[in-house]
Amino acid sequence: MHSRDASPPPIAAPPDPLPALLQQAIDQAFNAVMITDAGETDHRIVYANPALCRMTGYALHELLGRDPRLLQGPQTSAQVIAELRSCLADGRFFKVRGVEIKKEGEAR
């Protein structure tokens, strides 16, 4: 008689195509997505999807490596900035509903 192991089987690593599939999903999303390097003190932009580029008027190459503050303007809410800083300090996700400044300098 075989003894049965009560522990569940190990979870398999995601298949290789998953990163490409995730990339495709984010690239095609209607919502703007920006990823910054949290290891940097100024959180340089390391990724922006096409929706963010359309929203801001910046091409991807114009955003990469830049400080995301370029999207803030004089009307940017101090409360929004405080929440952003809190999320960054705690390693939490941050969501904002709009971009303050477009490439042409126009406020939203």
N, C-alpha and C. Protein backbone atom coordinates (compact mmCIF):
# COMPACT_ATOMS: atom_id res chain seq x y z
N MET A 1 0.83 -1.16 0.00
CA MET A 1 0.00 0.00 0.00
C MET A 1 0.89 1.24 0.00
N HIS A 2 0.55 2.21 -0.82
CA HIS A 2 1.32 3.44 -0.91
C HIS A 2 0.78 4.45 0.09
N SER A 3 1.71 5.15 0.75
CA SER A 3 1.25 6.21 1.65
C SER A 3 1.00 7.47 0.82
N ARG A 4 0.00 8.19 1.19
CA ARG A 4 -0.34 9.41 0.47
C ARG A 4 0.22 10.59 1.20
N ASP A 5 0.88 11.47 0.47
CA ASP A 5 1.42 12.69 1.03
C ASP A 5 0.28 13.70 1.12
N ALA A 6 0.01 14.24 2.31
CA ALA A 6 -1.09 15.17 2.50
C ALA A 6 -0.76 16.58 2.05
N SER A 7 0.52 16.88 1.81
CA SER A 7 0.88 18.23 1.40
C SER A 7 0.51 18.45 -0.06
N PRO A 8 0.09 19.68 -0.38
CA PRO A 8 -0.27 19.96 -1.77
C PRO A 8 0.97 19.95 -2.66
N PRO A 9 0.76 19.71 -3.93
CA PRO A 9 1.91 19.73 -4.84
C PRO A 9 2.48 21.14 -4.92
N PRO A 10 3.78 21.26 -5.21
CA PRO A 10 4.37 22.60 -5.31
C PRO A 10 3.73 23.37 -6.47
N ILE A 11 3.65 24.67 -6.28
CA ILE A 11 3.09 25.52 -7.33
C ILE A 11 4.15 25.70 -8.40
N ALA A 12 3.75 25.45 -9.61
CA ALA A 12 4.68 25.57 -10.73
C ALA A 12 4.95 27.04 -11.02
N ALA A 13 6.14 27.31 -11.49
CA ALA A 13 6.49 28.68 -11.91
C ALA A 13 5.62 29.05 -13.11
N PRO A 14 5.32 30.33 -13.27
CA PRO A 14 4.52 30.73 -14.43
C PRO A 14 5.22 30.35 -15.73
N PRO A 15 4.43 30.06 -16.74
CA PRO A 15 5.05 29.70 -18.02
C PRO A 15 5.84 30.87 -18.59
N ASP A 16 6.83 30.56 -19.40
CA ASP A 16 7.68 31.59 -19.99
C ASP A 16 6.91 32.69 -20.71
N PRO A 17 5.82 32.40 -21.45
CA PRO A 17 5.15 33.47 -22.18
C PRO A 17 4.43 34.48 -21.28
N LEU A 18 4.29 34.19 -19.99
CA LEU A 18 3.53 35.08 -19.12
C LEU A 18 4.06 36.51 -19.12
N PRO A 19 5.36 36.76 -18.97
CA PRO A 19 5.82 38.15 -19.01
C PRO A 19 5.45 38.85 -20.32
N ALA A 20 5.55 38.17 -21.43
CA ALA A 20 5.18 38.77 -22.71
C ALA A 20 3.68 39.04 -22.75
N LEU A 21 2.90 38.14 -22.18
CA LEU A 21 1.46 38.32 -22.14
C LEU A 21 1.09 39.50 -21.25
N LEU A 22 1.75 39.62 -20.11
CA LEU A 22 1.50 40.77 -19.24
C LEU A 22 1.90 42.07 -19.91
N GLN A 23 3.03 42.07 -20.58
CA GLN A 23 3.49 43.25 -21.31
C GLN A 23 2.46 43.67 -22.35
N GLN A 24 1.94 42.70 -23.08
CA GLN A 24 0.94 42.98 -24.10
C GLN A 24 -0.33 43.56 -23.48
N ALA A 25 -0.76 43.00 -22.35
CA ALA A 25 -1.98 43.48 -21.68
C ALA A 25 -1.80 44.92 -21.20
N ILE A 26 -0.66 45.23 -20.59
CA ILE A 26 -0.42 46.58 -20.09
C ILE A 26 -0.28 47.56 -21.25
N ASP A 27 0.39 47.14 -22.30
CA ASP A 27 0.55 48.00 -23.47
C ASP A 27 -0.79 48.34 -24.12
N GLN A 28 -1.75 47.42 -24.04
CA GLN A 28 -3.04 47.63 -24.68
C GLN A 28 -4.10 48.19 -23.73
N ALA A 29 -3.74 48.41 -22.48
CA ALA A 29 -4.71 48.90 -21.49
C ALA A 29 -5.16 50.32 -21.83
N PHE A 30 -6.40 50.63 -21.50
CA PHE A 30 -6.92 51.98 -21.69
C PHE A 30 -6.45 52.91 -20.58
N ASN A 31 -6.15 52.35 -19.42
CA ASN A 31 -5.66 53.15 -18.30
C ASN A 31 -4.17 53.40 -18.45
N ALA A 32 -3.76 54.60 -18.08
CA ALA A 32 -2.35 54.96 -18.13
C ALA A 32 -1.59 54.25 -17.02
N VAL A 33 -0.42 53.71 -17.36
CA VAL A 33 0.42 53.01 -16.39
C VAL A 33 1.83 53.58 -16.48
N MET A 34 2.37 53.95 -15.31
CA MET A 34 3.75 54.41 -15.23
C MET A 34 4.41 53.65 -14.09
N ILE A 35 5.60 53.15 -14.33
CA ILE A 35 6.37 52.46 -13.29
C ILE A 35 7.66 53.23 -13.09
N THR A 36 7.97 53.48 -11.82
CA THR A 36 9.21 54.18 -11.49
C THR A 36 10.12 53.27 -10.69
N ASP A 37 11.38 53.60 -10.64
CA ASP A 37 12.36 52.83 -9.89
C ASP A 37 12.35 53.29 -8.44
N ALA A 38 11.73 52.49 -7.58
CA ALA A 38 11.61 52.86 -6.17
C ALA A 38 12.95 52.84 -5.46
N GLY A 39 13.96 52.23 -6.06
CA GLY A 39 15.28 52.20 -5.45
C GLY A 39 16.02 53.52 -5.60
N GLU A 40 15.57 54.31 -6.52
CA GLU A 40 16.18 55.62 -6.76
C GLU A 40 15.56 56.64 -5.82
N THR A 41 16.31 57.65 -5.46
CA THR A 41 15.74 58.68 -4.59
C THR A 41 14.77 59.58 -5.34
N ASP A 42 14.94 59.69 -6.65
CA ASP A 42 14.04 60.55 -7.43
C ASP A 42 13.06 59.75 -8.28
N HIS A 43 13.03 58.43 -8.10
CA HIS A 43 12.03 57.57 -8.72
C HIS A 43 11.90 57.78 -10.23
N ARG A 44 12.97 57.65 -10.95
CA ARG A 44 12.98 57.84 -12.41
C ARG A 44 12.00 56.88 -13.09
N ILE A 45 11.38 57.33 -14.16
CA ILE A 45 10.42 56.53 -14.91
C ILE A 45 11.17 55.43 -15.66
N VAL A 46 10.74 54.18 -15.45
CA VAL A 46 11.35 53.04 -16.15
C VAL A 46 10.38 52.41 -17.15
N TYR A 47 9.10 52.75 -17.06
CA TYR A 47 8.11 52.23 -18.00
C TYR A 47 6.92 53.17 -18.05
N ALA A 48 6.38 53.37 -19.22
CA ALA A 48 5.13 54.10 -19.42
C ALA A 48 4.41 53.41 -20.58
N ASN A 49 3.14 53.13 -20.40
CA ASN A 49 2.43 52.47 -21.49
C ASN A 49 1.91 53.49 -22.50
N PRO A 50 1.47 53.03 -23.66
CA PRO A 50 0.98 53.96 -24.69
C PRO A 50 -0.15 54.87 -24.22
N ALA A 51 -1.01 54.39 -23.32
CA ALA A 51 -2.11 55.22 -22.82
C ALA A 51 -1.57 56.44 -22.08
N LEU A 52 -0.50 56.28 -21.31
CA LEU A 52 0.11 57.42 -20.61
C LEU A 52 0.72 58.39 -21.63
N CYS A 53 1.35 57.83 -22.64
CA CYS A 53 1.95 58.69 -23.68
C CYS A 53 0.87 59.49 -24.39
N ARG A 54 -0.25 58.86 -24.71
CA ARG A 54 -1.35 59.59 -25.35
C ARG A 54 -1.90 60.67 -24.42
N MET A 55 -2.06 60.34 -23.15
CA MET A 55 -2.63 61.27 -22.18
C MET A 55 -1.74 62.50 -21.99
N THR A 56 -0.44 62.28 -21.98
CA THR A 56 0.48 63.37 -21.67
C THR A 56 1.04 64.07 -22.91
N GLY A 57 1.03 63.39 -24.04
CA GLY A 57 1.62 63.95 -25.24
C GLY A 57 3.11 63.68 -25.35
N TYR A 58 3.69 63.01 -24.37
CA TYR A 58 5.11 62.65 -24.41
C TYR A 58 5.29 61.31 -25.11
N ALA A 59 6.33 61.19 -25.91
CA ALA A 59 6.72 59.90 -26.47
C ALA A 59 7.44 59.11 -25.37
N LEU A 60 7.44 57.80 -25.50
CA LEU A 60 8.06 56.96 -24.49
C LEU A 60 9.51 57.37 -24.23
N HIS A 61 10.28 57.61 -25.28
CA HIS A 61 11.69 57.95 -25.10
C HIS A 61 11.86 59.28 -24.35
N GLU A 62 10.85 60.14 -24.38
CA GLU A 62 10.92 61.41 -23.65
C GLU A 62 10.62 61.24 -22.16
N LEU A 63 9.95 60.14 -21.80
CA LEU A 63 9.60 59.90 -20.40
C LEU A 63 10.63 59.04 -19.67
N LEU A 64 11.17 58.04 -20.36
CA LEU A 64 12.09 57.11 -19.71
C LEU A 64 13.29 57.83 -19.11
N GLY A 65 13.58 57.50 -17.86
CA GLY A 65 14.71 58.09 -17.17
C GLY A 65 14.42 59.45 -16.55
N ARG A 66 13.24 59.99 -16.80
CA ARG A 66 12.89 61.32 -16.28
C ARG A 66 12.23 61.20 -14.92
N ASP A 67 12.27 62.28 -14.19
CA ASP A 67 11.59 62.39 -12.91
C ASP A 67 10.11 62.59 -13.18
N PRO A 68 9.21 61.81 -12.56
CA PRO A 68 7.79 61.95 -12.84
C PRO A 68 7.20 63.30 -12.43
N ARG A 69 7.97 64.10 -11.71
CA ARG A 69 7.49 65.43 -11.34
C ARG A 69 7.23 66.31 -12.56
N LEU A 70 7.78 65.92 -13.71
CA LEU A 70 7.53 66.71 -14.91
C LEU A 70 6.04 66.73 -15.24
N LEU A 71 5.26 65.82 -14.67
CA LEU A 71 3.82 65.78 -14.91
C LEU A 71 3.03 66.54 -13.85
N GLN A 72 3.72 67.18 -12.91
CA GLN A 72 3.06 68.00 -11.90
C GLN A 72 3.06 69.45 -12.34
N GLY A 73 2.07 70.16 -11.90
CA GLY A 73 1.98 71.57 -12.22
C GLY A 73 1.62 72.37 -10.99
N PRO A 74 1.45 73.68 -11.15
CA PRO A 74 1.15 74.54 -10.02
C PRO A 74 -0.19 74.22 -9.37
N GLN A 75 -1.07 73.57 -10.10
CA GLN A 75 -2.39 73.21 -9.57
C GLN A 75 -2.39 71.84 -8.88
N THR A 76 -1.25 71.15 -8.88
CA THR A 76 -1.19 69.83 -8.28
C THR A 76 -1.52 69.92 -6.80
N SER A 77 -2.43 69.08 -6.37
CA SER A 77 -2.90 69.07 -4.99
C SER A 77 -1.80 68.62 -4.03
N ALA A 78 -1.61 69.38 -2.97
CA ALA A 78 -0.64 69.00 -1.93
C ALA A 78 -1.06 67.69 -1.27
N GLN A 79 -2.36 67.46 -1.18
CA GLN A 79 -2.87 66.22 -0.59
C GLN A 79 -2.49 65.01 -1.45
N VAL A 80 -2.57 65.16 -2.77
CA VAL A 80 -2.19 64.08 -3.68
C VAL A 80 -0.70 63.78 -3.54
N ILE A 81 0.11 64.81 -3.47
CA ILE A 81 1.56 64.62 -3.32
C ILE A 81 1.89 63.96 -1.98
N ALA A 82 1.19 64.35 -0.92
CA ALA A 82 1.41 63.73 0.40
C ALA A 82 1.05 62.25 0.36
N GLU A 83 -0.04 61.90 -0.30
CA GLU A 83 -0.44 60.50 -0.42
C GLU A 83 0.57 59.72 -1.26
N LEU A 84 1.05 60.32 -2.34
CA LEU A 84 2.08 59.69 -3.16
C LEU A 84 3.33 59.40 -2.34
N ARG A 85 3.79 60.37 -1.60
CA ARG A 85 4.99 60.18 -0.76
C ARG A 85 4.78 59.10 0.28
N SER A 86 3.60 59.05 0.88
CA SER A 86 3.29 58.03 1.87
C SER A 86 3.31 56.64 1.23
N CYS A 87 2.71 56.51 0.05
CA CYS A 87 2.71 55.22 -0.65
C CYS A 87 4.12 54.79 -1.01
N LEU A 88 4.93 55.72 -1.49
CA LEU A 88 6.32 55.39 -1.84
C LEU A 88 7.10 54.95 -0.61
N ALA A 89 6.92 55.65 0.50
CA ALA A 89 7.64 55.30 1.73
C ALA A 89 7.23 53.93 2.25
N ASP A 90 5.95 53.58 2.07
CA ASP A 90 5.44 52.31 2.58
C ASP A 90 5.50 51.18 1.56
N GLY A 91 5.93 51.49 0.33
CA GLY A 91 5.99 50.48 -0.72
C GLY A 91 4.60 50.07 -1.21
N ARG A 92 3.64 50.97 -1.09
CA ARG A 92 2.27 50.69 -1.52
C ARG A 92 2.02 51.22 -2.93
N PHE A 93 1.00 50.66 -3.55
CA PHE A 93 0.53 51.07 -4.87
C PHE A 93 -0.06 52.47 -4.76
N PHE A 94 0.15 53.28 -5.77
CA PHE A 94 -0.41 54.63 -5.80
C PHE A 94 -1.22 54.80 -7.08
N LYS A 95 -2.40 55.37 -6.93
CA LYS A 95 -3.27 55.60 -8.09
C LYS A 95 -3.72 57.05 -8.06
N VAL A 96 -3.63 57.70 -9.20
CA VAL A 96 -4.10 59.07 -9.32
C VAL A 96 -5.03 59.13 -10.53
N ARG A 97 -5.97 60.02 -10.52
CA ARG A 97 -6.99 60.05 -11.57
C ARG A 97 -6.63 60.89 -12.78
N GLY A 98 -5.59 61.64 -12.75
CA GLY A 98 -5.26 62.46 -13.90
C GLY A 98 -3.83 62.92 -13.89
N VAL A 99 -3.45 63.50 -14.97
CA VAL A 99 -2.11 64.07 -15.10
C VAL A 99 -2.30 65.58 -15.12
N GLU A 100 -1.50 66.26 -14.36
CA GLU A 100 -1.65 67.70 -14.23
C GLU A 100 -1.17 68.47 -15.46
N ILE A 101 -0.03 68.09 -15.98
CA ILE A 101 0.59 68.86 -17.06
C ILE A 101 0.85 67.96 -18.26
N LYS A 102 0.49 68.45 -19.42
CA LYS A 102 0.79 67.74 -20.66
C LYS A 102 2.10 68.32 -21.22
N LYS A 103 2.64 67.65 -22.21
CA LYS A 103 3.91 68.05 -22.80
C LYS A 103 3.88 69.51 -23.25
N GLU A 104 2.79 69.95 -23.82
CA GLU A 104 2.68 71.31 -24.32
C GLU A 104 2.59 72.33 -23.20
N GLY A 105 2.59 71.85 -21.94
CA GLY A 105 2.54 72.75 -20.80
C GLY A 105 1.13 73.11 -20.37
N GLU A 106 0.15 72.58 -21.06
CA GLU A 106 -1.22 72.92 -20.70
C GLU A 106 -1.65 72.14 -19.46
N ALA A 107 -2.36 72.81 -18.58
CA ALA A 107 -2.87 72.19 -17.37
C ALA A 107 -4.13 71.41 -17.70
N ARG A 108 -4.38 70.40 -16.93
CA ARG A 108 -5.60 69.62 -17.10
C ARG A 108 -6.61 70.04 -16.09
